[in-house]
Amino acid sequence: MDKIQVQTELTREKKERIPVWMYPSTLAMIEGALQQANCKSRSEFLEEAAKYYAGYVSAENAIQYLPPMLVSAFRGTVRDSEMHISRLLFKLAVELDMMMNVLASELDTEPEALAQMRGRCIRNVKKTGGYIAFENAARYQLKLCEDEANPDE
């Protein structure tokens, strides 16, 4: 076998030439992927592919190492997302509290009407999955006002 010396970063290795049999369709696939894989030759592509596949196959052996890393990464991502969502919800709650106080200071609403409205709003939020449009609420309130203005209809 022909052997070519190659200096790697950590060790000195010798590449070995080996015969490889492949279907023409596989070779065509390799030729098409060479540039995308940033490889200069079929040999380099096959070596990278072999390393990737060997790592994939041996992933079962690395099960003690990978999960703690993944769990740690997932926890960090989830924690960051939770913090972001919490900050946004806090800001939203402040704005909602301000709006409620402005409305409450201007409106004279009976406690019974508020209790009925709360029940209707809970049903509406459940029915729509939380998608509430101001236009729908305005239409509903206009209908209520029209019904109160025309009680005989």
N, C-alpha and C. Protein backbone atom coordinates (compact mmCIF):
# COMPACT_ATOMS: atom_id res chain seq x y z
N MET A 1 0.84 -1.19 0.00
CA MET A 1 0.00 0.00 0.00
C MET A 1 0.88 1.24 0.00
N ASP A 2 0.41 2.28 -0.73
CA ASP A 2 1.13 3.55 -0.75
C ASP A 2 0.81 4.30 0.52
N LYS A 3 1.81 4.90 1.13
CA LYS A 3 1.60 5.66 2.35
C LYS A 3 2.13 7.06 2.15
N ILE A 4 1.34 8.05 2.54
CA ILE A 4 1.72 9.45 2.44
C ILE A 4 1.78 10.01 3.85
N GLN A 5 2.87 10.70 4.17
CA GLN A 5 2.99 11.27 5.51
C GLN A 5 2.21 12.57 5.60
N VAL A 6 1.50 12.73 6.68
CA VAL A 6 0.73 13.96 6.92
C VAL A 6 1.01 14.41 8.34
N GLN A 7 1.31 15.68 8.49
CA GLN A 7 1.53 16.25 9.83
C GLN A 7 0.20 16.81 10.33
N THR A 8 -0.32 16.27 11.42
CA THR A 8 -1.53 16.82 12.01
C THR A 8 -1.14 17.76 13.14
N GLU A 9 -2.13 18.42 13.72
CA GLU A 9 -1.85 19.39 14.78
C GLU A 9 -1.24 18.73 16.02
N LEU A 10 -1.76 17.58 16.41
CA LEU A 10 -1.33 16.97 17.67
C LEU A 10 -0.33 15.83 17.49
N THR A 11 -0.51 15.02 16.46
CA THR A 11 0.36 13.85 16.30
C THR A 11 0.84 13.74 14.86
N ARG A 12 1.78 12.88 14.66
CA ARG A 12 2.28 12.61 13.31
C ARG A 12 1.65 11.30 12.86
N GLU A 13 0.86 11.36 11.80
CA GLU A 13 0.17 10.18 11.29
C GLU A 13 0.54 9.93 9.85
N LYS A 14 0.34 8.71 9.43
CA LYS A 14 0.55 8.35 8.03
C LYS A 14 -0.80 7.95 7.45
N LYS A 15 -1.16 8.56 6.34
CA LYS A 15 -2.39 8.15 5.66
C LYS A 15 -2.12 6.87 4.90
N GLU A 16 -3.12 6.02 4.85
CA GLU A 16 -3.01 4.79 4.10
C GLU A 16 -3.97 4.82 2.93
N ARG A 17 -3.50 4.30 1.83
CA ARG A 17 -4.35 4.22 0.65
C ARG A 17 -5.13 2.91 0.72
N ILE A 18 -6.44 3.00 0.56
CA ILE A 18 -7.27 1.80 0.62
C ILE A 18 -8.18 1.77 -0.61
N PRO A 19 -8.48 0.57 -1.09
CA PRO A 19 -9.43 0.49 -2.22
C PRO A 19 -10.86 0.68 -1.70
N VAL A 20 -11.62 1.44 -2.44
CA VAL A 20 -13.02 1.68 -2.06
C VAL A 20 -13.89 1.44 -3.28
N TRP A 21 -14.91 0.67 -3.09
CA TRP A 21 -15.86 0.41 -4.17
C TRP A 21 -17.14 1.17 -3.87
N MET A 22 -17.62 1.94 -4.87
CA MET A 22 -18.85 2.72 -4.69
C MET A 22 -19.67 2.70 -5.96
N TYR A 23 -20.95 2.84 -5.78
CA TYR A 23 -21.86 2.96 -6.92
C TYR A 23 -21.65 4.33 -7.58
N PRO A 24 -21.84 4.40 -8.88
CA PRO A 24 -21.71 5.69 -9.57
C PRO A 24 -22.62 6.77 -9.00
N SER A 25 -23.80 6.39 -8.56
CA SER A 25 -24.72 7.38 -7.98
C SER A 25 -24.16 7.96 -6.68
N THR A 26 -23.46 7.13 -5.90
CA THR A 26 -22.85 7.62 -4.66
C THR A 26 -21.70 8.57 -4.97
N LEU A 27 -20.90 8.21 -5.98
CA LEU A 27 -19.81 9.10 -6.39
C LEU A 27 -20.35 10.43 -6.90
N ALA A 28 -21.44 10.40 -7.64
CA ALA A 28 -22.05 11.64 -8.14
C ALA A 28 -22.55 12.50 -6.97
N MET A 29 -23.09 11.84 -5.94
CA MET A 29 -23.55 12.56 -4.76
C MET A 29 -22.37 13.23 -4.05
N ILE A 30 -21.26 12.52 -3.96
CA ILE A 30 -20.05 13.07 -3.32
C ILE A 30 -19.55 14.26 -4.12
N GLU A 31 -19.48 14.11 -5.45
CA GLU A 31 -19.02 15.21 -6.30
C GLU A 31 -19.90 16.46 -6.10
N GLY A 32 -21.19 16.24 -5.98
CA GLY A 32 -22.12 17.36 -5.79
C GLY A 32 -21.98 18.03 -4.44
N ALA A 33 -21.52 17.28 -3.45
CA ALA A 33 -21.44 17.82 -2.09
C ALA A 33 -20.04 18.30 -1.71
N LEU A 34 -19.05 18.10 -2.56
CA LEU A 34 -17.67 18.48 -2.23
C LEU A 34 -17.55 19.96 -1.85
N GLN A 35 -18.08 20.81 -2.69
CA GLN A 35 -17.94 22.25 -2.44
C GLN A 35 -18.72 22.66 -1.18
N GLN A 36 -19.92 22.12 -1.05
CA GLN A 36 -20.74 22.46 0.13
C GLN A 36 -20.07 21.99 1.42
N ALA A 37 -19.36 20.87 1.37
CA ALA A 37 -18.68 20.34 2.55
C ALA A 37 -17.31 20.98 2.75
N ASN A 38 -16.93 21.88 1.84
CA ASN A 38 -15.65 22.58 1.91
C ASN A 38 -14.48 21.60 1.87
N CYS A 39 -14.61 20.59 0.99
CA CYS A 39 -13.55 19.59 0.82
C CYS A 39 -12.94 19.76 -0.57
N LYS A 40 -11.64 19.53 -0.65
CA LYS A 40 -10.92 19.72 -1.91
C LYS A 40 -10.88 18.45 -2.76
N SER A 41 -11.14 17.30 -2.13
CA SER A 41 -11.06 16.04 -2.86
C SER A 41 -12.06 15.04 -2.33
N ARG A 42 -12.26 13.98 -3.12
CA ARG A 42 -13.13 12.90 -2.66
C ARG A 42 -12.55 12.26 -1.40
N SER A 43 -11.25 12.12 -1.38
CA SER A 43 -10.58 11.51 -0.25
C SER A 43 -10.86 12.29 1.03
N GLU A 44 -10.72 13.61 0.95
CA GLU A 44 -10.98 14.44 2.13
C GLU A 44 -12.45 14.33 2.55
N PHE A 45 -13.34 14.32 1.55
CA PHE A 45 -14.77 14.19 1.84
C PHE A 45 -15.06 12.86 2.54
N LEU A 46 -14.51 11.78 2.00
CA LEU A 46 -14.75 10.46 2.59
C LEU A 46 -14.19 10.36 4.01
N GLU A 47 -13.02 10.98 4.24
CA GLU A 47 -12.45 10.95 5.58
C GLU A 47 -13.35 11.69 6.57
N GLU A 48 -13.82 12.88 6.17
CA GLU A 48 -14.71 13.65 7.05
C GLU A 48 -16.03 12.90 7.29
N ALA A 49 -16.55 12.29 6.22
CA ALA A 49 -17.79 11.52 6.35
C ALA A 49 -17.60 10.34 7.30
N ALA A 50 -16.44 9.65 7.18
CA ALA A 50 -16.16 8.51 8.05
C ALA A 50 -16.06 8.95 9.51
N LYS A 51 -15.40 10.09 9.75
CA LYS A 51 -15.29 10.60 11.13
C LYS A 51 -16.66 10.94 11.70
N TYR A 52 -17.46 11.59 10.87
CA TYR A 52 -18.82 11.97 11.31
C TYR A 52 -19.64 10.73 11.64
N TYR A 53 -19.61 9.75 10.73
CA TYR A 53 -20.41 8.55 10.94
C TYR A 53 -19.91 7.74 12.14
N ALA A 54 -18.59 7.66 12.30
CA ALA A 54 -18.03 6.95 13.46
C ALA A 54 -18.46 7.64 14.75
N GLY A 55 -18.48 8.96 14.76
CA GLY A 55 -18.95 9.68 15.94
C GLY A 55 -20.42 9.44 16.20
N TYR A 56 -21.19 9.39 15.12
CA TYR A 56 -22.62 9.12 15.24
C TYR A 56 -22.87 7.73 15.82
N VAL A 57 -22.17 6.75 15.29
CA VAL A 57 -22.35 5.37 15.73
C VAL A 57 -21.88 5.19 17.18
N SER A 58 -20.79 5.87 17.53
CA SER A 58 -20.26 5.70 18.89
C SER A 58 -20.94 6.62 19.91
N ALA A 59 -21.93 7.37 19.48
CA ALA A 59 -22.62 8.26 20.41
C ALA A 59 -23.26 7.48 21.56
N GLU A 60 -23.62 6.22 21.29
CA GLU A 60 -24.18 5.40 22.36
C GLU A 60 -23.16 5.21 23.48
N ASN A 61 -21.87 5.14 23.12
CA ASN A 61 -20.82 4.98 24.13
C ASN A 61 -20.61 6.26 24.93
N ALA A 62 -20.95 7.37 24.34
CA ALA A 62 -20.72 8.67 24.99
C ALA A 62 -21.94 9.12 25.78
N ILE A 63 -22.86 8.22 26.03
CA ILE A 63 -24.11 8.60 26.68
C ILE A 63 -23.91 9.19 28.08
N GLN A 64 -22.83 8.78 28.76
CA GLN A 64 -22.57 9.34 30.08
C GLN A 64 -22.06 10.77 29.99
N TYR A 65 -21.51 11.16 28.84
CA TYR A 65 -20.92 12.49 28.68
C TYR A 65 -21.91 13.49 28.07
N LEU A 66 -22.62 13.08 27.04
CA LEU A 66 -23.49 14.01 26.32
C LEU A 66 -24.70 14.50 27.11
N PRO A 67 -25.47 13.64 27.74
CA PRO A 67 -26.66 14.14 28.41
C PRO A 67 -26.42 15.25 29.43
N PRO A 68 -25.41 15.17 30.31
CA PRO A 68 -25.22 16.28 31.24
C PRO A 68 -24.95 17.60 30.51
N MET A 69 -24.21 17.54 29.41
CA MET A 69 -23.95 18.76 28.63
C MET A 69 -25.24 19.30 28.04
N LEU A 70 -26.02 18.39 27.45
CA LEU A 70 -27.28 18.82 26.83
C LEU A 70 -28.25 19.35 27.86
N VAL A 71 -28.36 18.65 28.98
CA VAL A 71 -29.27 19.10 30.04
C VAL A 71 -28.85 20.48 30.54
N SER A 72 -27.56 20.68 30.71
CA SER A 72 -27.06 21.98 31.16
C SER A 72 -27.39 23.07 30.14
N ALA A 73 -27.18 22.78 28.86
CA ALA A 73 -27.48 23.75 27.81
C ALA A 73 -28.97 24.05 27.76
N PHE A 74 -29.80 23.00 27.85
CA PHE A 74 -31.25 23.20 27.83
C PHE A 74 -31.71 24.01 29.04
N ARG A 75 -31.16 23.69 30.21
CA ARG A 75 -31.54 24.44 31.41
C ARG A 75 -31.20 25.92 31.27
N GLY A 76 -30.02 26.21 30.74
CA GLY A 76 -29.62 27.60 30.54
C GLY A 76 -30.55 28.32 29.57
N THR A 77 -30.91 27.64 28.48
CA THR A 77 -31.81 28.23 27.50
C THR A 77 -33.19 28.46 28.10
N VAL A 78 -33.70 27.47 28.81
CA VAL A 78 -35.02 27.59 29.44
C VAL A 78 -35.00 28.69 30.50
N ARG A 79 -33.94 28.76 31.30
CA ARG A 79 -33.83 29.79 32.34
C ARG A 79 -33.83 31.19 31.71
N ASP A 80 -33.07 31.36 30.63
CA ASP A 80 -33.04 32.65 29.94
C ASP A 80 -34.42 33.00 29.40
N SER A 81 -35.10 32.00 28.81
CA SER A 81 -36.45 32.24 28.28
C SER A 81 -37.42 32.59 29.40
N GLU A 82 -37.33 31.87 30.52
CA GLU A 82 -38.21 32.16 31.65
C GLU A 82 -38.00 33.58 32.16
N MET A 83 -36.75 33.98 32.27
CA MET A 83 -36.47 35.34 32.75
C MET A 83 -37.03 36.38 31.79
N HIS A 84 -36.86 36.16 30.49
CA HIS A 84 -37.36 37.10 29.50
C HIS A 84 -38.89 37.18 29.55
N ILE A 85 -39.54 36.03 29.61
CA ILE A 85 -41.00 36.00 29.67
C ILE A 85 -41.48 36.63 30.97
N SER A 86 -40.81 36.37 32.07
CA SER A 86 -41.20 36.96 33.36
C SER A 86 -41.11 38.48 33.32
N ARG A 87 -40.04 39.00 32.74
CA ARG A 87 -39.91 40.47 32.63
C ARG A 87 -41.03 41.05 31.77
N LEU A 88 -41.33 40.38 30.65
CA LEU A 88 -42.39 40.87 29.78
C LEU A 88 -43.76 40.80 30.47
N LEU A 89 -44.01 39.71 31.20
CA LEU A 89 -45.28 39.59 31.92
C LEU A 89 -45.40 40.65 33.01
N PHE A 90 -44.30 40.95 33.69
CA PHE A 90 -44.32 41.99 34.72
C PHE A 90 -44.68 43.33 34.10
N LYS A 91 -44.04 43.67 32.98
CA LYS A 91 -44.34 44.93 32.30
C LYS A 91 -45.80 44.97 31.85
N LEU A 92 -46.29 43.86 31.32
CA LEU A 92 -47.67 43.78 30.89
C LEU A 92 -48.63 43.96 32.07
N ALA A 93 -48.31 43.33 33.19
CA ALA A 93 -49.16 43.44 34.39
C ALA A 93 -49.20 44.89 34.89
N VAL A 94 -48.07 45.59 34.84
CA VAL A 94 -48.03 47.00 35.26
C VAL A 94 -48.94 47.83 34.36
N GLU A 95 -48.82 47.63 33.04
CA GLU A 95 -49.66 48.39 32.10
C GLU A 95 -51.14 48.07 32.30
N LEU A 96 -51.45 46.80 32.51
CA LEU A 96 -52.84 46.39 32.74
C LEU A 96 -53.38 47.00 34.03
N ASP A 97 -52.57 47.03 35.08
CA ASP A 97 -52.99 47.63 36.35
C ASP A 97 -53.26 49.13 36.17
N MET A 98 -52.39 49.79 35.41
CA MET A 98 -52.61 51.21 35.15
C MET A 98 -53.92 51.43 34.40
N MET A 99 -54.17 50.61 33.37
CA MET A 99 -55.40 50.75 32.59
C MET A 99 -56.63 50.48 33.45
N MET A 100 -56.57 49.46 34.29
CA MET A 100 -57.70 49.13 35.15
C MET A 100 -57.99 50.27 36.13
N ASN A 101 -56.95 50.85 36.68
CA ASN A 101 -57.15 51.95 37.61
C ASN A 101 -57.74 53.18 36.93
N VAL A 102 -57.29 53.47 35.72
CA VAL A 102 -57.86 54.60 34.97
C VAL A 102 -59.34 54.34 34.69
N LEU A 103 -59.67 53.15 34.23
CA LEU A 103 -61.07 52.82 33.94
C LEU A 103 -61.92 52.84 35.20
N ALA A 104 -61.42 52.24 36.27
CA ALA A 104 -62.19 52.18 37.52
C ALA A 104 -62.46 53.57 38.07
N SER A 105 -61.51 54.51 37.87
CA SER A 105 -61.71 55.87 38.39
C SER A 105 -62.76 56.63 37.59
N GLU A 106 -63.03 56.20 36.36
CA GLU A 106 -63.97 56.92 35.50
C GLU A 106 -65.34 56.26 35.38
N LEU A 107 -65.44 54.99 35.69
CA LEU A 107 -66.70 54.26 35.48
C LEU A 107 -67.35 53.91 36.81
N ASP A 108 -68.65 53.91 36.77
CA ASP A 108 -69.45 53.46 37.91
C ASP A 108 -70.04 52.10 37.55
N THR A 109 -69.40 51.03 37.94
CA THR A 109 -69.85 49.70 37.57
C THR A 109 -70.24 48.94 38.82
N GLU A 110 -71.40 48.32 38.76
CA GLU A 110 -71.91 47.54 39.89
C GLU A 110 -71.09 46.26 40.06
N PRO A 111 -70.87 45.82 41.30
CA PRO A 111 -70.12 44.59 41.55
C PRO A 111 -70.73 43.36 40.87
N GLU A 112 -72.07 43.31 40.79
CA GLU A 112 -72.72 42.17 40.14
C GLU A 112 -72.38 42.13 38.65
N ALA A 113 -72.36 43.31 38.03
CA ALA A 113 -72.04 43.37 36.60
C ALA A 113 -70.58 42.94 36.36
N LEU A 114 -69.70 43.33 37.29
CA LEU A 114 -68.30 42.91 37.17
C LEU A 114 -68.16 41.39 37.29
N ALA A 115 -68.92 40.78 38.21
CA ALA A 115 -68.86 39.33 38.39
C ALA A 115 -69.36 38.62 37.13
N GLN A 116 -70.43 39.12 36.52
CA GLN A 116 -70.95 38.53 35.29
C GLN A 116 -69.92 38.68 34.16
N MET A 117 -69.32 39.87 34.09
CA MET A 117 -68.34 40.13 33.04
C MET A 117 -67.13 39.22 33.20
N ARG A 118 -66.70 39.01 34.45
CA ARG A 118 -65.55 38.13 34.69
C ARG A 118 -65.84 36.72 34.19
N GLY A 119 -67.02 36.20 34.49
CA GLY A 119 -67.40 34.87 34.02
C GLY A 119 -67.42 34.78 32.51
N ARG A 120 -68.00 35.80 31.85
CA ARG A 120 -68.05 35.83 30.39
C ARG A 120 -66.64 35.90 29.82
N CYS A 121 -65.79 36.72 30.44
CA CYS A 121 -64.41 36.86 29.95
C CYS A 121 -63.63 35.56 30.10
N ILE A 122 -63.82 34.86 31.20
CA ILE A 122 -63.15 33.57 31.41
C ILE A 122 -63.58 32.59 30.32
N ARG A 123 -64.89 32.52 30.06
CA ARG A 123 -65.38 31.61 29.01
C ARG A 123 -64.81 32.00 27.65
N ASN A 124 -64.75 33.31 27.38
CA ASN A 124 -64.24 33.79 26.09
C ASN A 124 -62.76 33.45 25.92
N VAL A 125 -61.97 33.64 26.97
CA VAL A 125 -60.54 33.34 26.89
C VAL A 125 -60.33 31.84 26.68
N LYS A 126 -61.10 31.02 27.38
CA LYS A 126 -60.99 29.57 27.20
C LYS A 126 -61.37 29.17 25.78
N LYS A 127 -62.46 29.78 25.28
CA LYS A 127 -62.96 29.44 23.94
C LYS A 127 -61.98 29.86 22.85
N THR A 128 -61.36 31.00 23.00
CA THR A 128 -60.46 31.51 21.95
C THR A 128 -59.00 31.12 22.17
N GLY A 129 -58.70 30.41 23.25
CA GLY A 129 -57.32 30.03 23.53
C GLY A 129 -56.45 31.22 23.88
N GLY A 130 -57.05 32.28 24.37
CA GLY A 130 -56.30 33.46 24.80
C GLY A 130 -56.18 34.53 23.73
N TYR A 131 -56.69 34.27 22.53
CA TYR A 131 -56.63 35.29 21.48
C TYR A 131 -57.83 36.21 21.63
N ILE A 132 -57.58 37.38 22.16
CA ILE A 132 -58.64 38.35 22.40
C ILE A 132 -58.37 39.58 21.53
N ALA A 133 -59.37 39.99 20.77
CA ALA A 133 -59.23 41.17 19.93
C ALA A 133 -60.09 42.29 20.51
N PHE A 134 -59.53 43.48 20.58
CA PHE A 134 -60.26 44.64 21.10
C PHE A 134 -61.53 44.89 20.29
N GLU A 135 -61.45 44.69 18.98
CA GLU A 135 -62.60 44.91 18.11
C GLU A 135 -63.79 44.03 18.52
N ASN A 136 -63.51 42.77 18.86
CA ASN A 136 -64.58 41.86 19.29
C ASN A 136 -65.21 42.33 20.59
N ALA A 137 -64.39 42.77 21.54
CA ALA A 137 -64.92 43.28 22.81
C ALA A 137 -65.74 44.54 22.57
N ALA A 138 -65.29 45.43 21.70
CA ALA A 138 -66.03 46.66 21.40
C ALA A 138 -67.38 46.33 20.77
N ARG A 139 -67.39 45.38 19.81
CA ARG A 139 -68.66 44.97 19.19
C ARG A 139 -69.62 44.41 20.23
N TYR A 140 -69.11 43.58 21.13
CA TYR A 140 -69.94 42.99 22.18
C TYR A 140 -70.54 44.08 23.07
N GLN A 141 -69.71 45.04 23.47
CA GLN A 141 -70.19 46.12 24.33
C GLN A 141 -71.22 47.00 23.61
N LEU A 142 -71.01 47.27 22.31
CA LEU A 142 -72.00 48.04 21.54
C LEU A 142 -73.32 47.31 21.46
N LYS A 143 -73.26 45.99 21.28
CA LYS A 143 -74.48 45.18 21.23
C LYS A 143 -75.22 45.27 22.57
N LEU A 144 -74.45 45.21 23.69
CA LEU A 144 -75.06 45.34 25.01
C LEU A 144 -75.76 46.68 25.16
N CYS A 145 -75.09 47.74 24.72
CA CYS A 145 -75.67 49.09 24.81
C CYS A 145 -76.93 49.20 23.97
N GLU A 146 -76.92 48.60 22.76
CA GLU A 146 -78.11 48.64 21.90
C GLU A 146 -79.26 47.85 22.54
N ASP A 147 -78.92 46.69 23.13
CA ASP A 147 -79.95 45.88 23.79
C ASP A 147 -80.57 46.61 24.97
N GLU A 148 -79.74 47.35 25.73
CA GLU A 148 -80.26 48.12 26.87
C GLU A 148 -81.10 49.29 26.40
N ALA A 149 -80.75 49.89 25.25
CA ALA A 149 -81.50 51.03 24.72
C ALA A 149 -82.84 50.57 24.14
N ASN A 150 -82.90 49.34 23.61
CA ASN A 150 -84.13 48.81 23.01
C ASN A 150 -84.55 47.53 23.73
N PRO A 151 -85.06 47.62 24.95
CA PRO A 151 -85.38 46.39 25.72
C PRO A 151 -86.54 45.61 25.15
N ASP A 152 -87.42 46.23 24.32
CA ASP A 152 -88.60 45.54 23.81
C ASP A 152 -88.29 44.62 22.62
N GLU A 153 -87.14 44.78 22.01
CA GLU A 153 -86.84 44.00 20.81
C GLU A 153 -86.37 42.62 21.10
